[in-house]
PDB file of N, CA and C in Angstrom:
ATOM      1  N   MET A   1       0.595  -1.270   0.270  1.00  0.00           N
ATOM      2  CA  MET A   1      -0.399  -0.100  -0.509  1.00  0.00           C
ATOM      3  C   MET A   1       0.778   1.049   0.255  1.00  0.00           C
ATOM      4  N   ARG A   2       0.804   2.431  -1.049  1.00  0.00           N
ATOM      5  CA  ARG A   2       1.262   3.291  -1.249  1.00  0.00           C
ATOM      6  C   ARG A   2       0.799   4.866   0.061  1.00  0.00           C
ATOM      7  N   TYR A   3       1.965   5.339   0.758  1.00  0.00           N
ATOM      8  CA  TYR A   3       1.335   6.369   1.735  1.00  0.00           C
ATOM      9  C   TYR A   3       0.460   6.977   1.592  1.00  0.00           C
ATOM     10  N   GLY A   4       0.135   7.093   0.499  1.00  0.00           N
ATOM     11  CA  GLY A   4      -0.896   7.903   0.146  1.00  0.00           C
ATOM     12  C   GLY A   4      -2.624   7.116   0.465  1.00  0.00           C
ATOM     13  N   GLU A   5      -2.266   5.964   0.181  1.00  0.00           N
ATOM     14  CA  GLU A   5      -3.328   4.953  -0.081  1.00  0.00           C
ATOM     15  C   GLU A   5      -3.933   5.096   1.835  1.00  0.00           C
ATOM     16  N   GLU A   6      -2.905   4.558   2.400  1.00  0.00           N
ATOM     17  CA  GLU A   6      -2.681   4.428   3.636  1.00  0.00           C
ATOM     18  C   GLU A   6      -3.303   6.142   4.230  1.00  0.00           C
ATOM     19  N   GLU A   7      -2.988   7.307   3.947  1.00  0.00           N
ATOM     20  CA  GLU A   7      -3.303   8.297   4.752  1.00  0.00           C
ATOM     21  C   GLU A   7      -5.123   8.343   4.553  1.00  0.00           C
ATOM     22  N   ILE A   8      -4.987   8.529   3.452  1.00  0.00           N
ATOM     23  CA  ILE A   8      -7.203   7.964   3.364  1.00  0.00           C
ATOM     24  C   ILE A   8      -7.391   6.912   4.283  1.00  0.00           C
ATOM     25  N   GLU A   9      -7.065   6.038   4.134  1.00  0.00           N
ATOM     26  CA  GLU A   9      -7.372   4.537   4.893  1.00  0.00           C
ATOM     27  C   GLU A   9      -7.792   5.059   6.758  1.00  0.00           C
ATOM     28  N   LYS A  10      -6.945   5.932   6.845  1.00  0.00           N
ATOM     29  CA  LYS A  10      -6.966   6.096   8.048  1.00  0.00           C
ATOM     30  C   LYS A  10      -7.603   7.325   8.429  1.00  0.00           C
ATOM     31  N   ALA A  11      -7.848   8.404   7.761  1.00  0.00           N
ATOM     32  CA  ALA A  11      -8.605   9.362   7.873  1.00  0.00           C
ATOM     33  C   ALA A  11      -9.212  10.009   8.453  1.00  0.00           C
ATOM     34  N   GLU A  12      -9.839  10.968   9.078  1.00  0.00           N
ATOM     35  CA  GLU A  12     -10.424  11.029  10.364  1.00  0.00           C
ATOM     36  C   GLU A  12     -10.631  13.438  10.176  1.00  0.00           C
ATOM     37  N   ILE A  13     -11.973  13.180  10.372  1.00  0.00           N
ATOM     38  CA  ILE A  13     -12.421  14.812  10.320  1.00  0.00           C
ATOM     39  C   ILE A  13     -11.427  15.736  11.720  1.00  0.00           C
ATOM     40  N   GLU A  14     -10.223  16.459  11.163  1.00  0.00           N
ATOM     41  CA  GLU A  14     -10.044  17.580  12.834  1.00  0.00           C
ATOM     42  C   GLU A  14     -10.895  18.305  12.521  1.00  0.00           C
ATOM     43  N   VAL A  15     -10.871  18.925  13.743  1.00  0.00           N
ATOM     44  CA  VAL A  15     -11.439  19.870  14.270  1.00  0.00           C
ATOM     45  C   VAL A  15     -10.165  20.624  14.785  1.00  0.00           C
ATOM     46  N   TRP A  16     -10.079  21.923  15.026  1.00  0.00           N
ATOM     47  CA  TRP A  16      -9.587  22.648  15.743  1.00  0.00           C
ATOM     48  C   TRP A  16     -10.165  23.882  15.753  1.00  0.00           C
ATOM     49  N   GLU A  17      -9.671  24.673  17.329  1.00  0.00           N
ATOM     50  CA  GLU A  17     -10.619  25.642  18.652  1.00  0.00           C
ATOM     51  C   GLU A  17     -10.572  26.595  17.065  1.00  0.00           C
ATOM     52  N   ASN A  18     -11.712  27.627  17.578  1.00  0.00           N
ATOM     53  CA  ASN A  18     -12.040  28.580  16.416  1.00  0.00           C
ATOM     54  C   ASN A  18     -11.812  29.827  17.406  1.00  0.00           C
ATOM     55  N   LYS A  19     -10.746  30.562  17.022  1.00  0.00           N
ATOM     56  CA  LYS A  19     -10.371  31.927  17.688  1.00  0.00           C
ATOM     57  C   LYS A  19     -10.898  32.588  17.122  1.00  0.00           C
ATOM     58  N   HIS A  20     -12.241  32.218  16.901  1.00  0.00           N
ATOM     59  CA  HIS A  20     -13.332  33.820  16.766  1.00  0.00           C
ATOM     60  C   HIS A  20     -15.119  34.080  16.827  1.00  0.00           C
ATOM     61  N   THR A  21     -14.745  33.685  17.643  1.00  0.00           N
ATOM     62  CA  THR A  21     -16.433  33.447  17.986  1.00  0.00           C
ATOM     63  C   THR A  21     -17.215  34.137  18.029  1.00  0.00           C
ATOM     64  N   GLU A  22     -16.421  35.977  18.288  1.00  0.00           N
ATOM     65  CA  GLU A  22     -16.846  37.007  18.874  1.00  0.00           C
ATOM     66  C   GLU A  22     -17.745  36.817  17.421  1.00  0.00           C
ATOM     67  N   ASN A  23     -17.099  36.631  16.458  1.00  0.00           N
ATOM     68  CA  ASN A  23     -17.924  36.812  15.415  1.00  0.00           C
ATOM     69  C   ASN A  23     -18.102  35.459  14.008  1.00  0.00           C
ATOM     70  N   ASP A  24     -19.508  35.979  13.458  1.00  0.00           N
ATOM     71  CA  ASP A  24     -20.727  35.227  12.869  1.00  0.00           C
ATOM     72  C   ASP A  24     -19.850  35.552  11.075  1.00  0.00           C
ATOM     73  N   TYR A  25     -19.225  34.562  10.791  1.00  0.00           N
ATOM     74  CA  TYR A  25     -18.127  34.563   9.574  1.00  0.00           C
ATOM     75  C   TYR A  25     -18.404  33.316   8.964  1.00  0.00           C
ATOM     76  N   GLU A  26     -18.444  33.318   7.256  1.00  0.00           N
ATOM     77  CA  GLU A  26     -18.900  31.702   6.258  1.00  0.00           C
ATOM     78  C   GLU A  26     -17.474  31.314   5.973  1.00  0.00           C
ATOM     79  N   VAL A  27     -17.518  30.244   5.981  1.00  0.00           N
ATOM     80  CA  VAL A  27     -16.676  29.140   5.423  1.00  0.00           C
ATOM     81  C   VAL A  27     -16.610  28.550   4.445  1.00  0.00           C
ATOM     82  N   ASN A  28     -16.170  28.864   2.774  1.00  0.00           N
ATOM     83  CA  ASN A  28     -16.925  28.238   1.691  1.00  0.00           C
ATOM     84  C   ASN A  28     -15.436  26.838   1.674  1.00  0.00           C
ATOM     85  N   ILE A  29     -15.937  25.656   0.915  1.00  0.00           N
ATOM     86  CA  ILE A  29     -14.915  24.764   0.238  1.00  0.00           C
ATOM     87  C   ILE A  29     -15.698  24.431  -0.492  1.00  0.00           C
ATOM     88  N   ASP A  30     -14.847  23.984  -1.209  1.00  0.00           N
ATOM     89  CA  ASP A  30     -15.286  23.172  -2.646  1.00  0.00           C
ATOM     90  C   ASP A  30     -14.155  22.355  -3.294  1.00  0.00           C
ATOM     91  N   PHE A  31     -14.991  21.376  -2.644  1.00  0.00           N
ATOM     92  CA  PHE A  31     -13.728  20.124  -3.293  1.00  0.00           C
ATOM     93  C   PHE A  31     -14.180  18.960  -4.423  1.00  0.00           C
ATOM     94  N   SER A  32     -14.048  19.417  -5.787  1.00  0.00           N
ATOM     95  CA  SER A  32     -14.174  19.062  -7.333  1.00  0.00           C
ATOM     96  C   SER A  32     -13.285  17.656  -7.791  1.00  0.00           C
ATOM     97  N   GLU A  33     -12.901  17.130  -6.298  1.00  0.00           N
ATOM     98  CA  GLU A  33     -12.351  15.801  -6.665  1.00  0.00           C
ATOM     99  C   GLU A  33     -13.193  14.412  -6.372  1.00  0.00           C
ATOM    100  N   PHE A  34     -14.533  14.718  -5.683  1.00  0.00           N
ATOM    101  CA  PHE A  34     -15.191  13.807  -5.305  1.00  0.00           C
ATOM    102  C   PHE A  34     -15.369  12.489  -6.309  1.00  0.00           C
ATOM    103  N   THR A  35     -15.165  11.704  -6.019  1.00  0.00           N
ATOM    104  CA  THR A  35     -15.509  10.443  -6.755  1.00  0.00           C
ATOM    105  C   THR A  35     -15.959   9.409  -5.182  1.00  0.00           C
ATOM    106  N   CYS A  36     -16.903   8.505  -5.857  1.00  0.00           N
ATOM    107  CA  CYS A  36     -17.649   7.338  -5.366  1.00  0.00           C
ATOM    108  C   CYS A  36     -18.155   5.721  -6.519  1.00  0.00           C
ATOM    109  N   LEU A  37     -18.094   5.120  -6.340  1.00  0.00           N
ATOM    110  CA  LEU A  37     -18.174   3.993  -7.387  1.00  0.00           C
ATOM    111  C   LEU A  37     -20.232   3.934  -7.020  1.00  0.00           C
ATOM    112  N   CYS A  38     -20.814   3.151  -7.815  1.00  0.00           N
ATOM    113  CA  CYS A  38     -22.148   3.608  -8.201  1.00  0.00           C
ATOM    114  C   CYS A  38     -22.876   1.856  -7.758  1.00  0.00           C
ATOM    115  N   PRO A  39     -23.871   1.983  -6.937  1.00  0.00           N
ATOM    116  CA  PRO A  39     -23.871   0.469  -6.174  1.00  0.00           C
ATOM    117  C   PRO A  39     -23.997  -0.381  -7.072  1.00  0.00           C
ATOM    118  N   ARG A  40     -24.622   0.076  -7.912  1.00  0.00           N
ATOM    119  CA  ARG A  40     -25.909  -0.962  -9.373  1.00  0.00           C
ATOM    120  C   ARG A  40     -24.672  -1.461 -10.091  1.00  0.00           C
ATOM    121  N   SER A  41     -24.094  -0.436 -10.492  1.00  0.00           N
ATOM    122  CA  SER A  41     -23.422  -0.838 -11.997  1.00  0.00           C
ATOM    123  C   SER A  41     -21.899  -0.814 -11.731  1.00  0.00           C
ATOM    124  N   GLY A  42     -21.591  -0.634 -10.607  1.00  0.00           N
ATOM    125  CA  GLY A  42     -19.698  -0.048 -10.426  1.00  0.00           C
ATOM    126  C   GLY A  42     -19.296   0.824 -11.088  1.00  0.00           C
ATOM    127  N   TYR A  43     -19.542   1.290 -11.825  1.00  0.00           N
ATOM    128  CA  TYR A  43     -19.072   2.752 -12.600  1.00  0.00           C
ATOM    129  C   TYR A  43     -18.470   3.913 -11.672  1.00  0.00           C
ATOM    130  N   PRO A  44     -17.382   4.437 -11.954  1.00  0.00           N
ATOM    131  CA  PRO A  44     -17.629   5.948 -11.617  1.00  0.00           C
ATOM    132  C   PRO A  44     -18.055   6.761 -11.352  1.00  0.00           C
ATOM    133  N   ASP A  45     -18.257   7.810 -10.388  1.00  0.00           N
ATOM    134  CA  ASP A  45     -19.316   8.794 -10.423  1.00  0.00           C
ATOM    135  C   ASP A  45     -19.208   9.633  -9.257  1.00  0.00           C
ATOM    136  N   PHE A  46     -18.233  10.597 -10.822  1.00  0.00           N
ATOM    137  CA  PHE A  46     -18.129  12.069 -10.001  1.00  0.00           C
ATOM    138  C   PHE A  46     -18.500  13.301  -9.669  1.00  0.00           C
ATOM    139  N   ALA A  47     -18.275  13.762  -8.794  1.00  0.00           N
ATOM    140  CA  ALA A  47     -18.492  15.265  -7.867  1.00  0.00           C
ATOM    141  C   ALA A  47     -18.321  16.815  -7.838  1.00  0.00           C
ATOM    142  N   THR A  48     -18.563  17.154  -7.206  1.00  0.00           N
ATOM    143  CA  THR A  48     -18.210  18.479  -6.544  1.00  0.00           C
ATOM    144  C   THR A  48     -18.608  18.239  -5.367  1.00  0.00           C
ATOM    145  N   ILE A  49     -18.050  18.536  -4.373  1.00  0.00           N
ATOM    146  CA  ILE A  49     -19.100  18.031  -3.121  1.00  0.00           C
ATOM    147  C   ILE A  49     -18.642  20.067  -2.467  1.00  0.00           C
ATOM    148  N   ARG A  50     -20.067  20.984  -2.196  1.00  0.00           N
ATOM    149  CA  ARG A  50     -19.441  22.359  -1.764  1.00  0.00           C
ATOM    150  C   ARG A  50     -19.731  21.546   0.151  1.00  0.00           C
ATOM    151  N   ILE A  51     -19.042  22.998   0.702  1.00  0.00           N
ATOM    152  CA  ILE A  51     -19.779  22.536   1.629  1.00  0.00           C
ATOM    153  C   ILE A  51     -19.469  24.287   2.391  1.00  0.00           C
ATOM    154  N   LYS A  52     -20.763  24.783   2.972  1.00  0.00           N
ATOM    155  CA  LYS A  52     -20.510  26.338   4.086  1.00  0.00           C
ATOM    156  C   LYS A  52     -21.118  26.004   4.830  1.00  0.00           C
ATOM    157  N   TYR A  53     -20.659  27.009   5.743  1.00  0.00           N
ATOM    158  CA  TYR A  53     -20.585  26.432   7.087  1.00  0.00           C
ATOM    159  C   TYR A  53     -20.522  27.835   7.797  1.00  0.00           C
ATOM    160  N   VAL A  54     -21.256  28.100   9.065  1.00  0.00           N
ATOM    161  CA  VAL A  54     -20.658  29.402  10.191  1.00  0.00           C
ATOM    162  C   VAL A  54     -20.221  28.925  10.919  1.00  0.00           C
ATOM    163  N   PRO A  55     -18.816  29.133  11.682  1.00  0.00           N
ATOM    164  CA  PRO A  55     -18.770  28.539  12.709  1.00  0.00           C
ATOM    165  C   PRO A  55     -18.886  28.502  13.892  1.00  0.00           C
ATOM    166  N   ASP A  56     -19.154  27.427  14.974  1.00  0.00           N
ATOM    167  CA  ASP A  56     -19.265  27.618  16.213  1.00  0.00           C
ATOM    168  C   ASP A  56     -17.649  28.157  16.930  1.00  0.00           C
ATOM    169  N   LYS A  57     -17.505  26.677  17.968  1.00  0.00           N
ATOM    170  CA  LYS A  57     -16.112  26.974  18.871  1.00  0.00           C
ATOM    171  C   LYS A  57     -14.609  26.472  17.907  1.00  0.00           C
ATOM    172  N   TYR A  58     -15.363  25.566  16.432  1.00  0.00           N
ATOM    173  CA  TYR A  58     -13.964  24.903  15.789  1.00  0.00           C
ATOM    174  C   TYR A  58     -14.491  25.048  13.958  1.00  0.00           C
ATOM    175  N   VAL A  59     -13.644  25.108  14.015  1.00  0.00           N
ATOM    176  CA  VAL A  59     -13.682  25.026  12.358  1.00  0.00           C
ATOM    177  C   VAL A  59     -12.917  23.731  11.924  1.00  0.00           C
ATOM    178  N   ILE A  60     -13.545  23.592  11.180  1.00  0.00           N
ATOM    179  CA  ILE A  60     -12.403  21.735  10.718  1.00  0.00           C
ATOM    180  C   ILE A  60     -10.578  22.547   9.706  1.00  0.00           C
ATOM    181  N   GLU A  61     -10.200  21.518  10.133  1.00  0.00           N
ATOM    182  CA  GLU A  61      -9.094  20.832   9.648  1.00  0.00           C
ATOM    183  C   GLU A  61      -8.904  20.463   7.928  1.00  0.00           C
ATOM    184  N   LEU A  62      -8.761  21.372   7.129  1.00  0.00           N
ATOM    185  CA  LEU A  62      -8.397  20.883   5.399  1.00  0.00           C
ATOM    186  C   LEU A  62      -8.236  20.356   5.241  1.00  0.00           C
ATOM    187  N   LYS A  63      -6.501  19.496   4.852  1.00  0.00           N
ATOM    188  CA  LYS A  63      -6.596  18.309   5.230  1.00  0.00           C
ATOM    189  C   LYS A  63      -6.444  16.979   5.471  1.00  0.00           C
ATOM    190  N   SER A  64      -7.499  17.391   6.401  1.00  0.00           N
ATOM    191  CA  SER A  64      -8.451  15.949   7.384  1.00  0.00           C
ATOM    192  C   SER A  64      -9.104  16.051   6.520  1.00  0.00           C
ATOM    193  N   LEU A  65     -10.487  17.155   5.908  1.00  0.00           N
ATOM    194  CA  LEU A  65     -11.354  16.997   5.049  1.00  0.00           C
ATOM    195  C   LEU A  65     -10.616  15.946   3.836  1.00  0.00           C
ATOM    196  N   LYS A  66     -10.011  16.987   3.122  1.00  0.00           N
ATOM    197  CA  LYS A  66      -9.451  16.931   1.660  1.00  0.00           C
ATOM    198  C   LYS A  66      -9.352  14.879   2.093  1.00  0.00           C
ATOM    199  N   LEU A  67      -8.830  14.694   3.219  1.00  0.00           N
ATOM    200  CA  LEU A  67      -7.817  12.788   3.391  1.00  0.00           C
ATOM    201  C   LEU A  67      -9.620  12.075   3.339  1.00  0.00           C
ATOM    202  N   PHE A  68     -10.707  12.759   4.335  1.00  0.00           N
ATOM    203  CA  PHE A  68     -11.728  11.908   4.134  1.00  0.00           C
ATOM    204  C   PHE A  68     -12.559  11.979   3.482  1.00  0.00           C
ATOM    205  N   LEU A  69     -12.912  12.969   2.338  1.00  0.00           N
ATOM    206  CA  LEU A  69     -13.481  13.168   1.313  1.00  0.00           C
ATOM    207  C   LEU A  69     -13.131  11.552   0.361  1.00  0.00           C
ATOM    208  N   ASN A  70     -11.672  11.572   0.119  1.00  0.00           N
ATOM    209  CA  ASN A  70     -11.057  10.728  -0.908  1.00  0.00           C
ATOM    210  C   ASN A  70     -11.738   9.219  -0.417  1.00  0.00           C
ATOM    211  N   LYS A  71     -11.577   8.992   1.106  1.00  0.00           N
ATOM    212  CA  LYS A  71     -12.219   7.800   1.183  1.00  0.00           C
ATOM    213  C   LYS A  71     -13.372   6.597   0.670  1.00  0.00           C
ATOM    214  N   TYR A  72     -14.026   7.838   0.371  1.00  0.00           N
ATOM    215  CA  TYR A  72     -15.646   7.652  -0.182  1.00  0.00           C
ATOM    216  C   TYR A  72     -15.172   6.825  -1.947  1.00  0.00           C
ATOM    217  N   ARG A  73     -13.896   7.383  -2.550  1.00  0.00           N
ATOM    218  CA  ARG A  73     -13.481   7.262  -3.877  1.00  0.00           C
ATOM    219  C   ARG A  73     -13.576   5.494  -4.398  1.00  0.00           C
ATOM    220  N   ASN A  74     -13.797   4.522  -3.073  1.00  0.00           N
ATOM    221  CA  ASN A  74     -13.537   2.990  -3.696  1.00  0.00           C
ATOM    222  C   ASN A  74     -14.975   2.107  -2.826  1.00  0.00           C
ATOM    223  N   ARG A  75     -15.689   3.501  -2.731  1.00  0.00           N
ATOM    224  CA  ARG A  75     -17.373   3.013  -1.702  1.00  0.00           C
ATOM    225  C   ARG A  75     -18.093   2.466  -2.581  1.00  0.00           C
ATOM    226  N   TYR A  76     -19.134   1.909  -2.841  1.00  0.00           N
ATOM    227  CA  TYR A  76     -20.032   1.847  -3.450  1.00  0.00           C
ATOM    228  C   TYR A  76     -21.257   2.533  -2.486  1.00  0.00           C
ATOM    229  N   ILE A  77     -21.771   3.145  -2.783  1.00  0.00           N
ATOM    230  CA  ILE A  77     -22.564   4.470  -2.308  1.00  0.00           C
ATOM    231  C   ILE A  77     -23.321   5.545  -3.238  1.00  0.00           C
ATOM    232  N   SER A  78     -24.460   5.564  -3.227  1.00  0.00           N
ATOM    233  CA  SER A  78     -25.314   6.072  -3.954  1.00  0.00           C
ATOM    234  C   SER A  78     -24.748   8.196  -3.935  1.00  0.00           C
ATOM    235  N   HIS A  79     -24.911   8.844  -4.474  1.00  0.00           N
ATOM    236  CA  HIS A  79     -25.189  10.564  -4.525  1.00  0.00           C
ATOM    237  C   HIS A  79     -25.741  10.588  -2.934  1.00  0.00           C
ATOM    238  N   GLU A  80     -27.268   9.915  -3.242  1.00  0.00           N
ATOM    239  CA  GLU A  80     -27.900  10.640  -1.988  1.00  0.00           C
ATOM    240  C   GLU A  80     -27.187  10.108  -0.855  1.00  0.00           C
ATOM    241  N   ASP A  81     -26.705   8.444  -0.836  1.00  0.00           N
ATOM    242  CA  ASP A  81     -26.446   8.318   0.481  1.00  0.00           C
ATOM    243  C   ASP A  81     -25.304   8.954   0.772  1.00  0.00           C
ATOM    244  N   SER A  82     -23.936   9.144  -0.402  1.00  0.00           N
ATOM    245  CA  SER A  82     -22.820   9.833   0.323  1.00  0.00           C
ATOM    246  C   SER A  82     -22.514  11.077   0.282  1.00  0.00           C
ATOM    247  N   THR A  83     -23.966  11.981   0.115  1.00  0.00           N
ATOM    248  CA  THR A  83     -24.187  13.461  -0.038  1.00  0.00           C
ATOM    249  C   THR A  83     -24.373  13.224   2.004  1.00  0.00           C
ATOM    250  N   ASN A  84     -25.767  12.918   2.406  1.00  0.00           N
ATOM    251  CA  ASN A  84     -25.964  12.771   3.553  1.00  0.00           C
ATOM    252  C   ASN A  84     -24.775  12.372   4.499  1.00  0.00           C
ATOM    253  N   GLU A  85     -23.862  11.262   4.643  1.00  0.00           N
ATOM    254  CA  GLU A  85     -23.107  10.725   5.392  1.00  0.00           C
ATOM    255  C   GLU A  85     -22.182  12.011   5.541  1.00  0.00           C
ATOM    256  N   ILE A  86     -21.980  13.089   4.482  1.00  0.00           N
ATOM    257  CA  ILE A  86     -20.674  13.877   4.837  1.00  0.00           C
ATOM    258  C   ILE A  86     -21.457  14.836   5.400  1.00  0.00           C
ATOM    259  N   PHE A  87     -21.994  15.688   5.425  1.00  0.00           N
ATOM    260  CA  PHE A  87     -23.479  16.106   5.658  1.00  0.00           C
ATOM    261  C   PHE A  87     -23.831  16.048   7.338  1.00  0.00           C
ATOM    262  N   ASN A  88     -23.944  14.696   8.565  1.00  0.00           N
ATOM    263  CA  ASN A  88     -23.967  13.899   9.247  1.00  0.00           C
ATOM    264  C   ASN A  88     -22.772  13.934  10.099  1.00  0.00           C
ATOM    265  N   VAL A  89     -21.543  14.134   9.246  1.00  0.00           N
ATOM    266  CA  VAL A  89     -20.046  13.733  10.204  1.00  0.00           C
ATOM    267  C   VAL A  89     -19.494  15.203   9.753  1.00  0.00           C
ATOM    268  N   LEU A  90     -20.145  15.775   9.505  1.00  0.00           N
ATOM    269  CA  LEU A  90     -19.777  17.736   9.448  1.00  0.00           C
ATOM    270  C   LEU A  90     -19.847  17.999  10.765  1.00  0.00           C
ATOM    271  N   LYS A  91     -21.333  18.086  11.052  1.00  0.00           N
ATOM    272  CA  LYS A  91     -22.353  18.441  11.739  1.00  0.00           C
ATOM    273  C   LYS A  91     -21.984  18.277  12.732  1.00  0.00           C
ATOM    274  N   ASP A  92     -22.263  16.916  13.103  1.00  0.00           N
ATOM    275  CA  ASP A  92     -21.601  15.952  14.485  1.00  0.00           C
ATOM    276  C   ASP A  92     -20.037  16.953  14.867  1.00  0.00           C
ATOM    277  N   LYS A  93     -18.774  16.663  14.247  1.00  0.00           N
ATOM    278  CA  LYS A  93     -17.937  16.932  14.125  1.00  0.00           C
ATOM    279  C   LYS A  93     -17.188  18.363  14.589  1.00  0.00           C
ATOM    280  N   LEU A  94     -18.369  19.747  13.692  1.00  0.00           N
ATOM    281  CA  LEU A  94     -18.302  21.386  13.703  1.00  0.00           C
ATOM    282  C   LEU A  94     -19.765  21.790  14.919  1.00  0.00           C
ATOM    283  N   ALA A  95     -20.279  21.267  14.967  1.00  0.00           N
ATOM    284  CA  ALA A  95     -21.526  21.191  15.720  1.00  0.00           C
ATOM    285  C   ALA A  95     -21.476  23.226  15.707  1.00  0.00           C
ATOM    286  N   PRO A  96     -21.282  23.456  14.002  1.00  0.00           N
ATOM    287  CA  PRO A  96     -21.724  24.844  13.470  1.00  0.00           C
ATOM    288  C   PRO A  96     -23.341  25.817  13.603  1.00  0.00           C
ATOM    289  N   LYS A  97     -22.965  26.480  13.016  1.00  0.00           N
ATOM    290  CA  LYS A  97     -23.859  27.559  13.666  1.00  0.00           C
ATOM    291  C   LYS A  97     -24.983  27.281  12.743  1.00  0.00           C
ATOM    292  N   HIS A  98     -23.942  27.227  11.198  1.00  0.00           N
ATOM    293  CA  HIS A  98     -25.491  26.993  10.144  1.00  0.00           C
ATOM    294  C   HIS A  98     -23.956  25.936   9.164  1.00  0.00           C
ATOM    295  N   LEU A  99     -25.172  25.091   8.736  1.00  0.00           N
ATOM    296  CA  LEU A  99     -24.389  24.527   7.172  1.00  0.00           C
ATOM    297  C   LEU A  99     -25.077  23.779   6.334  1.00  0.00           C
ATOM    298  N   GLU A 100     -24.224  24.265   5.396  1.00  0.00           N
ATOM    299  CA  GLU A 100     -24.736  23.597   3.843  1.00  0.00           C
ATOM    300  C   GLU A 100     -24.467  22.857   3.536  1.00  0.00           C
ATOM    301  N   VAL A 101     -24.392  21.461   2.585  1.00  0.00           N
ATOM    302  CA  VAL A 101     -23.594  20.634   1.850  1.00  0.00           C
ATOM    303  C   VAL A 101     -24.457  20.380   1.266  1.00  0.00           C
ATOM    304  N   VAL A 102     -23.521  20.335  -0.431  1.00  0.00           N
ATOM    305  CA  VAL A 102     -24.223  20.014  -1.507  1.00  0.00           C
ATOM    306  C   VAL A 102     -23.144  19.179  -2.963  1.00  0.00           C
ATOM    307  N   GLY A 103     -23.940  17.861  -3.228  1.00  0.00           N
ATOM    308  CA  GLY A 103     -23.559  17.083  -3.692  1.00  0.00           C
ATOM    309  C   GLY A 103     -23.890  17.383  -4.983  1.00  0.00           C
ATOM    310  N   ASP A 104     -23.135  17.482  -6.637  1.00  0.00           N
ATOM    311  CA  ASP A 104     -23.021  18.176  -7.496  1.00  0.00           C
ATOM    312  C   ASP A 104     -22.336  17.143  -8.295  1.00  0.00           C
ATOM    313  N   PHE A 105     -23.409  16.445  -8.636  1.00  0.00           N
ATOM    314  CA  PHE A 105     -22.780  14.769  -9.321  1.00  0.00           C
ATOM    315  C   PHE A 105     -22.946  15.744 -11.410  1.00  0.00           C
ATOM    316  N   THR A 106     -21.878  14.914 -11.098  1.00  0.00           N
ATOM    317  CA  THR A 106     -21.510  15.124 -13.045  1.00  0.00           C
ATOM    318  C   THR A 106     -22.695  14.436 -13.309  1.00  0.00           C
ATOM    319  N   PRO A 107     -23.389  14.525 -14.738  1.00  0.00           N
ATOM    320  CA  PRO A 107     -23.927  13.579 -15.435  1.00  0.00           C
ATOM    321  C   PRO A 107     -23.344  12.643 -16.092  1.00  0.00           C
ATOM    322  N   ARG A 108     -24.081  11.019 -15.824  1.00  0.00           N
ATOM    323  CA  ARG A 108     -23.708  10.002 -16.259  1.00  0.00           C
ATOM    324  C   ARG A 108     -25.105   9.083 -16.848  1.00  0.00           C
ATOM    325  N   GLY A 109     -25.009   9.387 -18.810  1.00  0.00           N
ATOM    326  CA  GLY A 109     -26.059   9.046 -18.735  1.00  0.00           C
ATOM    327  C   GLY A 109     -27.208   9.782 -19.208  1.00  0.00           C
ATOM    328  N   ASN A 110     -26.944  10.534 -19.504  1.00  0.00           N
ATOM    329  CA  ASN A 110     -27.881  12.102 -18.962  1.00  0.00           C
ATOM    330  C   ASN A 110     -28.830  11.924 -18.137  1.00  0.00           C
ATOM    331  N   VAL A 111     -27.813  11.714 -16.722  1.00  0.00           N
ATOM    332  CA  VAL A 111     -28.864  12.454 -16.026  1.00  0.00           C
ATOM    333  C   VAL A 111     -27.998  13.202 -14.494  1.00  0.00           C
ATOM    334  N   LYS A 112     -28.149  13.972 -14.604  1.00  0.00           N
ATOM    335  CA  LYS A 112     -27.668  15.051 -13.719  1.00  0.00           C
ATOM    336  C   LYS A 112     -28.168  15.401 -12.002  1.00  0.00           C
ATOM    337  N   THR A 113     -27.229  15.233 -11.212  1.00  0.00           N
ATOM    338  CA  THR A 113     -28.082  15.013  -9.609  1.00  0.00           C
ATOM    339  C   THR A 113     -27.515  16.082  -8.780  1.00  0.00           C
ATOM    340  N   VAL A 114     -28.192  16.621  -8.214  1.00  0.00           N
ATOM    341  CA  VAL A 114     -27.332  17.320  -7.022  1.00  0.00           C
ATOM    342  C   VAL A 114     -28.527  17.160  -5.891  1.00  0.00           C
ATOM    343  N   ILE A 115     -27.726  16.888  -4.836  1.00  0.00           N
ATOM    344  CA  ILE A 115     -28.077  16.391  -3.602  1.00  0.00           C
ATOM    345  C   ILE A 115     -27.766  18.113  -2.894  1.00  0.00           C
ATOM    346  N   LYS A 116     -28.806  18.549  -1.808  1.00  0.00           N
ATOM    347  CA  LYS A 116     -28.456  19.364  -1.305  1.00  0.00           C
ATOM    348  C   LYS A 116     -29.326  19.720   0.155  1.00  0.00           C
ATOM    349  N   LEU A 117     -28.492  19.633   1.265  1.00  0.00           N
ATOM    350  CA  LEU A 117     -29.069  19.321   2.722  1.00  0.00           C
ATOM    351  C   LEU A 117     -27.867  20.744   3.280  1.00  0.00           C
ATOM    352  N   SER A 118     -28.810  21.141   4.298  1.00  0.00           N
ATOM    353  CA  SER A 118     -29.018  22.891   5.114  1.00  0.00           C
ATOM    354  C   SER A 118     -29.795  22.396   6.328  1.00  0.00           C
ATOM    355  N   PHE A 119     -28.859  23.369   7.006  1.00  0.00           N
ATOM    356  CA  PHE A 119     -30.335  23.872   8.379  1.00  0.00           C
ATOM    357  C   PHE A 119     -29.108  24.908   8.947  1.00  0.00           C
TER     358      PHE A 119
END
């Protein structure tokens, strides 16, 4: 196993203390190289994952997020399930004031899917 594969396999979301809790500010993250595998066909699915949040006590450490999202690349998982899982993990780990996650999937078979969750 290569070192990058080992890093991805053991990846967990890390959070850091938000040093600016007196301010309500928005963080926007685009991860344009998201991939997973269709649970029916096994074909690869490609997406941009967009994350928008207003931190409370914590902010996300970006390298851990990148490695965590790369864990999906060999998983057989639907667009809906992957986007919901990402949303739920971020909601639990960050406990933000506001969170929005969008899974914007590349069309395959002339079908485009966009999954959006927010609170």
